[in-house]
Amino acid sequence: MANPVAWFEVTGPDAGALQRFYAQAFGWEIDASNPMNYGMVQPQEGSIGGGVGPSPDGSSQVTFYVSVPDLQAALDKVSQLGGKTITPPMEVPDGPALAYFSDPAGNRIGLMKAM
């Protein structure tokens, strides 16, 4: 598959409760031992990694991230097809470069620069 889904994220107002829920419901190993209480979900064979953590504004959201070689080129194509840029390309400290867009139905989708 070209440009595969490379990451997922589940956020909400109570990160600890979400982390416990997903760990117990699916047996996920979630490590939230960081100052941001962002739980890193360890990928298993045949799966992708992800995160379960707090949302900046207290809302609940599920986001998937598509791996692309060029964030701006992907945003330009999305725009041509009726989507809208939410957040232009940005570097995450100690992490990947990301961007966000909304599809024509208003769904928020993440882009992750392919490594």
PDB file of N, CA and C in Angstrom:
ATOM      1  N   MET A   1       0.847  -1.170   0.000  1.00  0.00           N
ATOM      2  CA  MET A   1       0.000   0.000   0.000  1.00  0.00           C
ATOM      3  C   MET A   1       0.892   1.233   0.000  1.00  0.00           C
ATOM      4  N   ALA A   2       0.646   2.149  -0.903  1.00  0.00           N
ATOM      5  CA  ALA A   2       1.368   3.421  -0.905  1.00  0.00           C
ATOM      6  C   ALA A   2       0.878   4.262   0.264  1.00  0.00           C
ATOM      7  N   ASN A   3       1.763   4.976   0.916  1.00  0.00           N
ATOM      8  CA  ASN A   3       1.409   5.862   2.023  1.00  0.00           C
ATOM      9  C   ASN A   3       0.536   5.155   3.059  1.00  0.00           C
ATOM     10  N   PRO A   4       1.095   4.177   3.777  1.00  0.00           N
ATOM     11  CA  PRO A   4       0.312   3.409   4.746  1.00  0.00           C
ATOM     12  C   PRO A   4      -0.026   4.213   6.001  1.00  0.00           C
ATOM     13  N   VAL A   5      -1.032   3.764   6.711  1.00  0.00           N
ATOM     14  CA  VAL A   5      -1.316   4.311   8.034  1.00  0.00           C
ATOM     15  C   VAL A   5      -0.168   3.865   8.929  1.00  0.00           C
ATOM     16  N   ALA A   6       0.468   4.815   9.617  1.00  0.00           N
ATOM     17  CA  ALA A   6       1.679   4.522  10.369  1.00  0.00           C
ATOM     18  C   ALA A   6       1.534   4.713  11.870  1.00  0.00           C
ATOM     19  N   TRP A   7       0.454   5.333  12.318  1.00  0.00           N
ATOM     20  CA  TRP A   7       0.302   5.642  13.741  1.00  0.00           C
ATOM     21  C   TRP A   7      -1.164   5.918  13.999  1.00  0.00           C
ATOM     22  N   PHE A   8      -1.601   5.710  15.230  1.00  0.00           N
ATOM     23  CA  PHE A   8      -2.947   6.112  15.636  1.00  0.00           C
ATOM     24  C   PHE A   8      -2.846   6.816  16.973  1.00  0.00           C
ATOM     25  N   GLU A   9      -3.884   7.568  17.289  1.00  0.00           N
ATOM     26  CA  GLU A   9      -3.892   8.299  18.539  1.00  0.00           C
ATOM     27  C   GLU A   9      -5.325   8.368  19.056  1.00  0.00           C
ATOM     28  N   VAL A  10      -5.487   8.093  20.340  1.00  0.00           N
ATOM     29  CA  VAL A  10      -6.775   8.219  21.014  1.00  0.00           C
ATOM     30  C   VAL A  10      -6.555   9.199  22.156  1.00  0.00           C
ATOM     31  N   THR A  11      -7.305  10.295  22.176  1.00  0.00           N
ATOM     32  CA  THR A  11      -7.143  11.291  23.229  1.00  0.00           C
ATOM     33  C   THR A  11      -8.480  11.619  23.875  1.00  0.00           C
ATOM     34  N   GLY A  12      -8.403  12.087  25.091  1.00  0.00           N
ATOM     35  CA  GLY A  12      -9.598  12.480  25.816  1.00  0.00           C
ATOM     36  C   GLY A  12      -9.234  13.227  27.074  1.00  0.00           C
ATOM     37  N   PRO A  13     -10.252  13.640  27.835  1.00  0.00           N
ATOM     38  CA  PRO A  13      -9.996  14.455  29.025  1.00  0.00           C
ATOM     39  C   PRO A  13      -9.314  13.700  30.165  1.00  0.00           C
ATOM     40  N   ASP A  14      -9.442  12.375  30.235  1.00  0.00           N
ATOM     41  CA  ASP A  14      -8.825  11.587  31.307  1.00  0.00           C
ATOM     42  C   ASP A  14      -7.927  10.526  30.682  1.00  0.00           C
ATOM     43  N   ALA A  15      -6.676  10.888  30.448  1.00  0.00           N
ATOM     44  CA  ALA A  15      -5.729  10.000  29.772  1.00  0.00           C
ATOM     45  C   ALA A  15      -5.547   8.690  30.530  1.00  0.00           C
ATOM     46  N   GLY A  16      -5.442   8.748  31.844  1.00  0.00           N
ATOM     47  CA  GLY A  16      -5.227   7.540  32.631  1.00  0.00           C
ATOM     48  C   GLY A  16      -6.362   6.542  32.473  1.00  0.00           C
ATOM     49  N   ALA A  17      -7.587   7.041  32.482  1.00  0.00           N
ATOM     50  CA  ALA A  17      -8.747   6.162  32.318  1.00  0.00           C
ATOM     51  C   ALA A  17      -8.742   5.521  30.934  1.00  0.00           C
ATOM     52  N   LEU A  18      -8.402   6.297  29.907  1.00  0.00           N
ATOM     53  CA  LEU A  18      -8.336   5.740  28.553  1.00  0.00           C
ATOM     54  C   LEU A  18      -7.236   4.688  28.442  1.00  0.00           C
ATOM     55  N   GLN A  19      -6.094   4.974  29.037  1.00  0.00           N
ATOM     56  CA  GLN A  19      -4.980   4.029  28.986  1.00  0.00           C
ATOM     57  C   GLN A  19      -5.350   2.717  29.674  1.00  0.00           C
ATOM     58  N   ARG A  20      -5.980   2.807  30.836  1.00  0.00           N
ATOM     59  CA  ARG A  20      -6.415   1.592  31.540  1.00  0.00           C
ATOM     60  C   ARG A  20      -7.452   0.832  30.710  1.00  0.00           C
ATOM     61  N   PHE A  21      -8.392   1.555  30.116  1.00  0.00           N
ATOM     62  CA  PHE A  21      -9.440   0.922  29.304  1.00  0.00           C
ATOM     63  C   PHE A  21      -8.828   0.116  28.166  1.00  0.00           C
ATOM     64  N   TYR A  22      -7.967   0.737  27.362  1.00  0.00           N
ATOM     65  CA  TYR A  22      -7.400   0.044  26.199  1.00  0.00           C
ATOM     66  C   TYR A  22      -6.442  -1.074  26.606  1.00  0.00           C
ATOM     67  N   ALA A  23      -5.708  -0.881  27.686  1.00  0.00           N
ATOM     68  CA  ALA A  23      -4.816  -1.937  28.162  1.00  0.00           C
ATOM     69  C   ALA A  23      -5.625  -3.161  28.598  1.00  0.00           C
ATOM     70  N   GLN A  24      -6.707  -2.928  29.332  1.00  0.00           N
ATOM     71  CA  GLN A  24      -7.516  -4.039  29.822  1.00  0.00           C
ATOM     72  C   GLN A  24      -8.385  -4.652  28.725  1.00  0.00           C
ATOM     73  N   ALA A  25      -8.931  -3.815  27.852  1.00  0.00           N
ATOM     74  CA  ALA A  25      -9.831  -4.325  26.806  1.00  0.00           C
ATOM     75  C   ALA A  25      -9.091  -5.153  25.763  1.00  0.00           C
ATOM     76  N   PHE A  26      -7.859  -4.752  25.414  1.00  0.00           N
ATOM     77  CA  PHE A  26      -7.162  -5.392  24.301  1.00  0.00           C
ATOM     78  C   PHE A  26      -5.788  -5.946  24.645  1.00  0.00           C
ATOM     79  N   GLY A  27      -5.376  -5.839  25.906  1.00  0.00           N
ATOM     80  CA  GLY A  27      -4.075  -6.354  26.294  1.00  0.00           C
ATOM     81  C   GLY A  27      -2.914  -5.532  25.755  1.00  0.00           C
ATOM     82  N   TRP A  28      -3.169  -4.263  25.431  1.00  0.00           N
ATOM     83  CA  TRP A  28      -2.105  -3.410  24.901  1.00  0.00           C
ATOM     84  C   TRP A  28      -1.118  -3.058  26.005  1.00  0.00           C
ATOM     85  N   GLU A  29       0.174  -3.030  25.650  1.00  0.00           N
ATOM     86  CA  GLU A  29       1.206  -2.526  26.547  1.00  0.00           C
ATOM     87  C   GLU A  29       1.303  -1.028  26.315  1.00  0.00           C
ATOM     88  N   ILE A  30       0.978  -0.225  27.333  1.00  0.00           N
ATOM     89  CA  ILE A  30       0.961   1.229  27.201  1.00  0.00           C
ATOM     90  C   ILE A  30       1.913   1.820  28.242  1.00  0.00           C
ATOM     91  N   ASP A  31       2.906   2.550  27.771  1.00  0.00           N
ATOM     92  CA  ASP A  31       3.895   3.168  28.649  1.00  0.00           C
ATOM     93  C   ASP A  31       3.653   4.678  28.682  1.00  0.00           C
ATOM     94  N   ALA A  32       3.164   5.166  29.817  1.00  0.00           N
ATOM     95  CA  ALA A  32       2.900   6.598  29.973  1.00  0.00           C
ATOM     96  C   ALA A  32       3.885   7.237  30.940  1.00  0.00           C
ATOM     97  N   SER A  33       5.082   6.688  31.035  1.00  0.00           N
ATOM     98  CA  SER A  33       6.079   7.199  31.971  1.00  0.00           C
ATOM     99  C   SER A  33       6.845   8.379  31.382  1.00  0.00           C
ATOM    100  N   ASN A  34       6.115   9.415  31.042  1.00  0.00           N
ATOM    101  CA  ASN A  34       6.716  10.641  30.529  1.00  0.00           C
ATOM    102  C   ASN A  34       5.967  11.818  31.141  1.00  0.00           C
ATOM    103  N   PRO A  35       6.550  12.993  31.129  1.00  0.00           N
ATOM    104  CA  PRO A  35       5.914  14.143  31.789  1.00  0.00           C
ATOM    105  C   PRO A  35       4.566  14.555  31.186  1.00  0.00           C
ATOM    106  N   MET A  36       4.309  14.177  29.946  1.00  0.00           N
ATOM    107  CA  MET A  36       3.051  14.579  29.298  1.00  0.00           C
ATOM    108  C   MET A  36       1.928  13.567  29.528  1.00  0.00           C
ATOM    109  N   ASN A  37       2.215  12.439  30.222  1.00  0.00           N
ATOM    110  CA  ASN A  37       1.240  11.373  30.457  1.00  0.00           C
ATOM    111  C   ASN A  37       0.674  10.842  29.138  1.00  0.00           C
ATOM    112  N   TYR A  38       1.526  10.850  28.105  1.00  0.00           N
ATOM    113  CA  TYR A  38       1.139  10.330  26.791  1.00  0.00           C
ATOM    114  C   TYR A  38       1.538   8.871  26.735  1.00  0.00           C
ATOM    115  N   GLY A  39       0.572   7.987  26.633  1.00  0.00           N
ATOM    116  CA  GLY A  39       0.834   6.550  26.646  1.00  0.00           C
ATOM    117  C   GLY A  39       1.229   6.026  25.285  1.00  0.00           C
ATOM    118  N   MET A  40       2.445   5.532  25.203  1.00  0.00           N
ATOM    119  CA  MET A  40       2.931   4.949  23.955  1.00  0.00           C
ATOM    120  C   MET A  40       2.492   3.489  23.889  1.00  0.00           C
ATOM    121  N   VAL A  41       1.760   3.133  22.829  1.00  0.00           N
ATOM    122  CA  VAL A  41       1.297   1.765  22.629  1.00  0.00           C
ATOM    123  C   VAL A  41       2.343   1.043  21.804  1.00  0.00           C
ATOM    124  N   GLN A  42       2.884  -0.025  22.369  1.00  0.00           N
ATOM    125  CA  GLN A  42       3.939  -0.771  21.704  1.00  0.00           C
ATOM    126  C   GLN A  42       3.354  -1.634  20.588  1.00  0.00           C
ATOM    127  N   PRO A  43       3.862  -1.479  19.367  1.00  0.00           N
ATOM    128  CA  PRO A  43       3.333  -2.309  18.273  1.00  0.00           C
ATOM    129  C   PRO A  43       3.758  -3.765  18.439  1.00  0.00           C
ATOM    130  N   GLN A  44       2.923  -4.628  18.007  1.00  0.00           N
ATOM    131  CA  GLN A  44       3.222  -6.058  17.971  1.00  0.00           C
ATOM    132  C   GLN A  44       3.380  -6.446  16.501  1.00  0.00           C
ATOM    133  N   GLU A  45       3.812  -7.646  16.256  1.00  0.00           N
ATOM    134  CA  GLU A  45       3.999  -8.087  14.875  1.00  0.00           C
ATOM    135  C   GLU A  45       2.703  -7.916  14.089  1.00  0.00           C
ATOM    136  N   GLY A  46       2.807  -7.255  12.946  1.00  0.00           N
ATOM    137  CA  GLY A  46       1.652  -7.049  12.079  1.00  0.00           C
ATOM    138  C   GLY A  46       0.795  -5.857  12.449  1.00  0.00           C
ATOM    139  N   SER A  47       1.253  -5.023  13.408  1.00  0.00           N
ATOM    140  CA  SER A  47       0.450  -3.867  13.798  1.00  0.00           C
ATOM    141  C   SER A  47       1.300  -2.605  13.773  1.00  0.00           C
ATOM    142  N   ILE A  48       0.645  -1.486  13.991  1.00  0.00           N
ATOM    143  CA  ILE A  48       1.339  -0.203  14.083  1.00  0.00           C
ATOM    144  C   ILE A  48       1.311   0.261  15.531  1.00  0.00           C
ATOM    145  N   GLY A  49       2.209   1.154  15.869  1.00  0.00           N
ATOM    146  CA  GLY A  49       2.202   1.749  17.197  1.00  0.00           C
ATOM    147  C   GLY A  49       1.210   2.887  17.257  1.00  0.00           C
ATOM    148  N   GLY A  50       1.004   3.365  18.465  1.00  0.00           N
ATOM    149  CA  GLY A  50       0.073   4.470  18.640  1.00  0.00           C
ATOM    150  C   GLY A  50       0.253   5.127  19.982  1.00  0.00           C
ATOM    151  N   GLY A  51      -0.662   6.015  20.279  1.00  0.00           N
ATOM    152  CA  GLY A  51      -0.615   6.722  21.542  1.00  0.00           C
ATOM    153  C   GLY A  51      -2.002   6.896  22.127  1.00  0.00           C
ATOM    154  N   VAL A  52      -2.077   6.889  23.450  1.00  0.00           N
ATOM    155  CA  VAL A  52      -3.314   7.148  24.177  1.00  0.00           C
ATOM    156  C   VAL A  52      -2.964   8.188  25.225  1.00  0.00           C
ATOM    157  N   GLY A  53      -3.589   9.357  25.128  1.00  0.00           N
ATOM    158  CA  GLY A  53      -3.206  10.407  26.045  1.00  0.00           C
ATOM    159  C   GLY A  53      -4.226  11.504  26.202  1.00  0.00           C
ATOM    160  N   PRO A  54      -3.807  12.559  26.882  1.00  0.00           N
ATOM    161  CA  PRO A  54      -4.706  13.682  27.125  1.00  0.00           C
ATOM    162  C   PRO A  54      -4.871  14.535  25.871  1.00  0.00           C
ATOM    163  N   SER A  55      -6.026  15.137  25.743  1.00  0.00           N
ATOM    164  CA  SER A  55      -6.225  16.064  24.631  1.00  0.00           C
ATOM    165  C   SER A  55      -5.963  17.480  25.135  1.00  0.00           C
ATOM    166  N   PRO A  56      -5.401  18.327  24.299  1.00  0.00           N
ATOM    167  CA  PRO A  56      -5.069  19.681  24.738  1.00  0.00           C
ATOM    168  C   PRO A  56      -6.299  20.492  25.173  1.00  0.00           C
ATOM    169  N   ASP A  57      -7.437  20.230  24.539  1.00  0.00           N
ATOM    170  CA  ASP A  57      -8.628  21.036  24.832  1.00  0.00           C
ATOM    171  C   ASP A  57      -9.708  20.269  25.591  1.00  0.00           C
ATOM    172  N   GLY A  58      -9.411  19.042  26.024  1.00  0.00           N
ATOM    173  CA  GLY A  58     -10.380  18.263  26.775  1.00  0.00           C
ATOM    174  C   GLY A  58     -11.385  17.501  25.936  1.00  0.00           C
ATOM    175  N   SER A  59     -11.274  17.597  24.625  1.00  0.00           N
ATOM    176  CA  SER A  59     -12.206  16.875  23.754  1.00  0.00           C
ATOM    177  C   SER A  59     -11.721  15.433  23.553  1.00  0.00           C
ATOM    178  N   SER A  60     -12.615  14.592  23.089  1.00  0.00           N
ATOM    179  CA  SER A  60     -12.268  13.213  22.767  1.00  0.00           C
ATOM    180  C   SER A  60     -12.086  13.095  21.270  1.00  0.00           C
ATOM    181  N   GLN A  61     -11.051  12.376  20.857  1.00  0.00           N
ATOM    182  CA  GLN A  61     -10.750  12.294  19.435  1.00  0.00           C
ATOM    183  C   GLN A  61      -9.956  11.040  19.110  1.00  0.00           C
ATOM    184  N   VAL A  62     -10.178  10.509  17.934  1.00  0.00           N
ATOM    185  CA  VAL A  62      -9.365   9.429  17.394  1.00  0.00           C
ATOM    186  C   VAL A  62      -8.782   9.948  16.087  1.00  0.00           C
ATOM    187  N   THR A  63      -7.481   9.814  15.926  1.00  0.00           N
ATOM    188  CA  THR A  63      -6.802  10.289  14.722  1.00  0.00           C
ATOM    189  C   THR A  63      -5.909   9.177  14.208  1.00  0.00           C
ATOM    190  N   PHE A  64      -5.899   9.006  12.887  1.00  0.00           N
ATOM    191  CA  PHE A  64      -4.883   8.123  12.312  1.00  0.00           C
ATOM    192  C   PHE A  64      -3.947   8.982  11.482  1.00  0.00           C
ATOM    193  N   TYR A  65      -2.724   8.495  11.346  1.00  0.00           N
ATOM    194  CA  TYR A  65      -1.667   9.244  10.659  1.00  0.00           C
ATOM    195  C   TYR A  65      -1.206   8.466   9.439  1.00  0.00           C
ATOM    196  N   VAL A  66      -1.189   9.140   8.311  1.00  0.00           N
ATOM    197  CA  VAL A  66      -0.741   8.549   7.059  1.00  0.00           C
ATOM    198  C   VAL A  66       0.718   8.954   6.840  1.00  0.00           C
ATOM    199  N   SER A  67       1.546   7.992   6.535  1.00  0.00           N
ATOM    200  CA  SER A  67       2.962   8.234   6.284  1.00  0.00           C
ATOM    201  C   SER A  67       3.148   8.715   4.848  1.00  0.00           C
ATOM    202  N   VAL A  68       3.769   9.887   4.697  1.00  0.00           N
ATOM    203  CA  VAL A  68       4.003  10.454   3.365  1.00  0.00           C
ATOM    204  C   VAL A  68       5.440  10.980   3.295  1.00  0.00           C
ATOM    205  N   PRO A  69       6.041  10.984   2.107  1.00  0.00           N
ATOM    206  CA  PRO A  69       7.418  11.465   2.000  1.00  0.00           C
ATOM    207  C   PRO A  69       7.545  12.984   2.103  1.00  0.00           C
ATOM    208  N   ASP A  70       6.494  13.723   1.738  1.00  0.00           N
ATOM    209  CA  ASP A  70       6.548  15.188   1.714  1.00  0.00           C
ATOM    210  C   ASP A  70       5.235  15.729   2.265  1.00  0.00           C
ATOM    211  N   LEU A  71       5.288  16.286   3.473  1.00  0.00           N
ATOM    212  CA  LEU A  71       4.071  16.768   4.120  1.00  0.00           C
ATOM    213  C   LEU A  71       3.377  17.863   3.313  1.00  0.00           C
ATOM    214  N   GLN A  72       4.128  18.850   2.848  1.00  0.00           N
ATOM    215  CA  GLN A  72       3.504  19.958   2.124  1.00  0.00           C
ATOM    216  C   GLN A  72       2.904  19.499   0.801  1.00  0.00           C
ATOM    217  N   ALA A  73       3.584  18.613   0.100  1.00  0.00           N
ATOM    218  CA  ALA A  73       3.036  18.096  -1.163  1.00  0.00           C
ATOM    219  C   ALA A  73       1.726  17.347  -0.897  1.00  0.00           C
ATOM    220  N   ALA A  74       1.663  16.586   0.197  1.00  0.00           N
ATOM    221  CA  ALA A  74       0.431  15.866   0.538  1.00  0.00           C
ATOM    222  C   ALA A  74      -0.683  16.855   0.870  1.00  0.00           C
ATOM    223  N   LEU A  75      -0.363  17.910   1.627  1.00  0.00           N
ATOM    224  CA  LEU A  75      -1.375  18.926   1.956  1.00  0.00           C
ATOM    225  C   LEU A  75      -1.862  19.641   0.698  1.00  0.00           C
ATOM    226  N   ASP A  76      -0.958  19.908  -0.232  1.00  0.00           N
ATOM    227  CA  ASP A  76      -1.350  20.556  -1.486  1.00  0.00           C
ATOM    228  C   ASP A  76      -2.320  19.674  -2.265  1.00  0.00           C
ATOM    229  N   LYS A  77      -2.040  18.385  -2.327  1.00  0.00           N
ATOM    230  CA  LYS A  77      -2.926  17.454  -3.038  1.00  0.00           C
ATOM    231  C   LYS A  77      -4.280  17.364  -2.336  1.00  0.00           C
ATOM    232  N   VAL A  78      -4.255  17.276  -1.008  1.00  0.00           N
ATOM    233  CA  VAL A  78      -5.490  17.240  -0.228  1.00  0.00           C
ATOM    234  C   VAL A  78      -6.333  18.475  -0.538  1.00  0.00           C
ATOM    235  N   SER A  79      -5.702  19.633  -0.593  1.00  0.00           N
ATOM    236  CA  SER A  79      -6.400  20.887  -0.884  1.00  0.00           C
ATOM    237  C   SER A  79      -7.042  20.859  -2.270  1.00  0.00           C
ATOM    238  N   GLN A  80      -6.320  20.328  -3.240  1.00  0.00           N
ATOM    239  CA  GLN A  80      -6.859  20.232  -4.605  1.00  0.00           C
ATOM    240  C   GLN A  80      -8.086  19.322  -4.666  1.00  0.00           C
ATOM    241  N   LEU A  81      -8.163  18.373  -3.737  1.00  0.00           N
ATOM    242  CA  LEU A  81      -9.250  17.398  -3.736  1.00  0.00           C
ATOM    243  C   LEU A  81     -10.404  17.782  -2.810  1.00  0.00           C
ATOM    244  N   GLY A  82     -10.348  18.980  -2.223  1.00  0.00           N
ATOM    245  CA  GLY A  82     -11.452  19.441  -1.388  1.00  0.00           C
ATOM    246  C   GLY A  82     -11.211  19.399   0.095  1.00  0.00           C
ATOM    247  N   GLY A  83     -10.017  18.972   0.526  1.00  0.00           N
ATOM    248  CA  GLY A  83      -9.690  18.990   1.943  1.00  0.00           C
ATOM    249  C   GLY A  83      -9.111  20.338   2.334  1.00  0.00           C
ATOM    250  N   LYS A  84      -8.868  20.508   3.631  1.00  0.00           N
ATOM    251  CA  LYS A  84      -8.331  21.781   4.130  1.00  0.00           C
ATOM    252  C   LYS A  84      -7.231  21.521   5.141  1.00  0.00           C
ATOM    253  N   THR A  85      -6.165  22.304   5.047  1.00  0.00           N
ATOM    254  CA  THR A  85      -5.087  22.213   6.018  1.00  0.00           C
ATOM    255  C   THR A  85      -5.569  22.746   7.361  1.00  0.00           C
ATOM    256  N   ILE A  86      -5.346  21.974   8.410  1.00  0.00           N
ATOM    257  CA  ILE A  86      -5.640  22.426   9.772  1.00  0.00           C
ATOM    258  C   ILE A  86      -4.363  22.957  10.412  1.00  0.00           C
ATOM    259  N   THR A  87      -3.283  22.165  10.312  1.00  0.00           N
ATOM    260  CA  THR A  87      -1.987  22.547  10.874  1.00  0.00           C
ATOM    261  C   THR A  87      -0.921  22.276   9.825  1.00  0.00           C
ATOM    262  N   PRO A  88      -0.172  23.301   9.424  1.00  0.00           N
ATOM    263  CA  PRO A  88       0.890  23.074   8.445  1.00  0.00           C
ATOM    264  C   PRO A  88       2.001  22.221   9.048  1.00  0.00           C
ATOM    265  N   PRO A  89       2.938  21.771   8.216  1.00  0.00           N
ATOM    266  CA  PRO A  89       4.024  20.929   8.723  1.00  0.00           C
ATOM    267  C   PRO A  89       4.733  21.546   9.928  1.00  0.00           C
ATOM    268  N   MET A  90       4.987  20.685  10.918  1.00  0.00           N
ATOM    269  CA  MET A  90       5.686  21.128  12.129  1.00  0.00           C
ATOM    270  C   MET A  90       6.560  19.985  12.630  1.00  0.00           C
ATOM    271  N   GLU A  91       7.645  20.351  13.286  1.00  0.00           N
ATOM    272  CA  GLU A  91       8.541  19.368  13.889  1.00  0.00           C
ATOM    273  C   GLU A  91       8.111  19.159  15.336  1.00  0.00           C
ATOM    274  N   VAL A  92       7.965  17.908  15.739  1.00  0.00           N
ATOM    275  CA  VAL A  92       7.655  17.576  17.127  1.00  0.00           C
ATOM    276  C   VAL A  92       8.989  17.324  17.824  1.00  0.00           C
ATOM    277  N   PRO A  93       9.247  17.988  18.973  1.00  0.00           N
ATOM    278  CA  PRO A  93      10.512  17.743  19.674  1.00  0.00           C
ATOM    279  C   PRO A  93      10.698  16.252  19.971  1.00  0.00           C
ATOM    280  N   ASP A  94      11.828  15.721  19.603  1.00  0.00           N
ATOM    281  CA  ASP A  94      12.149  14.301  19.789  1.00  0.00           C
ATOM    282  C   ASP A  94      11.156  13.386  19.089  1.00  0.00           C
ATOM    283  N   GLY A  95      10.509  13.863  18.047  1.00  0.00           N
ATOM    284  CA  GLY A  95       9.520  13.053  17.334  1.00  0.00           C
ATOM    285  C   GLY A  95       9.546  13.337  15.838  1.00  0.00           C
ATOM    286  N   PRO A  96       8.534  12.894  15.156  1.00  0.00           N
ATOM    287  CA  PRO A  96       8.477  13.068  13.702  1.00  0.00           C
ATOM    288  C   PRO A  96       7.905  14.432  13.318  1.00  0.00           C
ATOM    289  N   ALA A  97       8.007  14.758  12.057  1.00  0.00           N
ATOM    290  CA  ALA A  97       7.337  15.941  11.518  1.00  0.00           C
ATOM    291  C   ALA A  97       5.890  15.544  11.222  1.00  0.00           C
ATOM    292  N   LEU A  98       4.945  16.418  11.595  1.00  0.00           N
ATOM    293  CA  LEU A  98       3.523  16.141  11.440  1.00  0.00           C
ATOM    294  C   LEU A  98       2.803  17.301  10.773  1.00  0.00           C
ATOM    295  N   ALA A  99       1.627  17.022  10.247  1.00  0.00           N
ATOM    296  CA  ALA A  99       0.698  18.033   9.743  1.00  0.00           C
ATOM    297  C   ALA A  99      -0.700  17.449   9.908  1.00  0.00           C
ATOM    298  N   TYR A 100      -1.716  18.309   9.888  1.00  0.00           N
ATOM    299  CA  TYR A 100      -3.102  17.851  10.012  1.00  0.00           C
ATOM    300  C   TYR A 100      -3.958  18.515   8.942  1.00  0.00           C
ATOM    301  N   PHE A 101      -4.945  17.746   8.471  1.00  0.00           N
ATOM    302  CA  PHE A 101      -5.905  18.295   7.518  1.00  0.00           C
ATOM    303  C   PHE A 101      -7.285  17.762   7.844  1.00  0.00           C
ATOM    304  N   SER A 102      -8.299  18.404   7.264  1.00  0.00           N
ATOM    305  CA  SER A 102      -9.655  17.862   7.358  1.00  0.00           C
ATOM    306  C   SER A 102     -10.053  17.401   5.962  1.00  0.00           C
ATOM    307  N   ASP A 103     -10.730  16.260   5.922  1.00  0.00           N
ATOM    308  CA  ASP A 103     -11.215  15.755   4.642  1.00  0.00           C
ATOM    309  C   ASP A 103     -12.512  16.485   4.276  1.00  0.00           C
ATOM    310  N   PRO A 104     -13.082  16.238   3.098  1.00  0.00           N
ATOM    311  CA  PRO A 104     -14.292  16.958   2.707  1.00  0.00           C
ATOM    312  C   PRO A 104     -15.475  16.780   3.673  1.00  0.00           C
ATOM    313  N   ALA A 105     -15.471  15.720   4.479  1.00  0.00           N
ATOM    314  CA  ALA A 105     -16.551  15.507   5.446  1.00  0.00           C
ATOM    315  C   ALA A 105     -16.236  16.144   6.803  1.00  0.00           C
ATOM    316  N   GLY A 106     -15.046  16.734   6.946  1.00  0.00           N
ATOM    317  CA  GLY A 106     -14.674  17.388   8.189  1.00  0.00           C
ATOM    318  C   GLY A 106     -13.891  16.530   9.158  1.00  0.00           C
ATOM    319  N   ASN A 107     -13.520  15.316   8.782  1.00  0.00           N
ATOM    320  CA  ASN A 107     -12.719  14.441   9.651  1.00  0.00           C
ATOM    321  C   ASN A 107     -11.287  14.970   9.747  1.00  0.00           C
ATOM    322  N   ARG A 108     -10.722  14.969  10.944  1.00  0.00           N
ATOM    323  CA  ARG A 108      -9.343  15.409  11.156  1.00  0.00           C
ATOM    324  C   ARG A 108      -8.429  14.205  10.957  1.00  0.00           C
ATOM    325  N   ILE A 109      -7.437  14.355  10.071  1.00  0.00           N
ATOM    326  CA  ILE A 109      -6.486  13.294   9.734  1.00  0.00           C
ATOM    327  C   ILE A 109      -5.073  13.840   9.922  1.00  0.00           C
ATOM    328  N   GLY A 110      -4.179  12.989  10.407  1.00  0.00           N
ATOM    329  CA  GLY A 110      -2.792  13.384  10.568  1.00  0.00           C
ATOM    330  C   GLY A 110      -1.917  12.871   9.439  1.00  0.00           C
ATOM    331  N   LEU A 111      -0.886  13.606   9.150  1.00  0.00           N
ATOM    332  CA  LEU A 111       0.165  13.186   8.215  1.00  0.00           C
ATOM    333  C   LEU A 111       1.458  13.094   9.001  1.00  0.00           C
ATOM    334  N   MET A 112       2.252  12.079   8.726  1.00  0.00           N
ATOM    335  CA  MET A 112       3.539  11.883   9.386  1.00  0.00           C
ATOM    336  C   MET A 112       4.604  11.738   8.304  1.00  0.00           C
ATOM    337  N   LYS A 113       5.671  12.508   8.426  1.00  0.00           N
ATOM    338  CA  LYS A 113       6.733  12.392   7.427  1.00  0.00           C
ATOM    339  C   LYS A 113       7.373  11.018   7.517  1.00  0.00           C
ATOM    340  N   ALA A 114       7.425  10.340   6.364  1.00  0.00           N
ATOM    341  CA  ALA A 114       8.016   9.007   6.287  1.00  0.00           C
ATOM    342  C   ALA A 114       9.485   9.095   6.649  1.00  0.00           C
ATOM    343  N   MET A 115       9.964   8.132   7.401  1.00  0.00           N
ATOM    344  CA  MET A 115      11.366   8.136   7.811  1.00  0.00           C
ATOM    345  C   MET A 115      12.182   7.252   6.926  1.00  0.00           C
TER     346      MET A 115
END
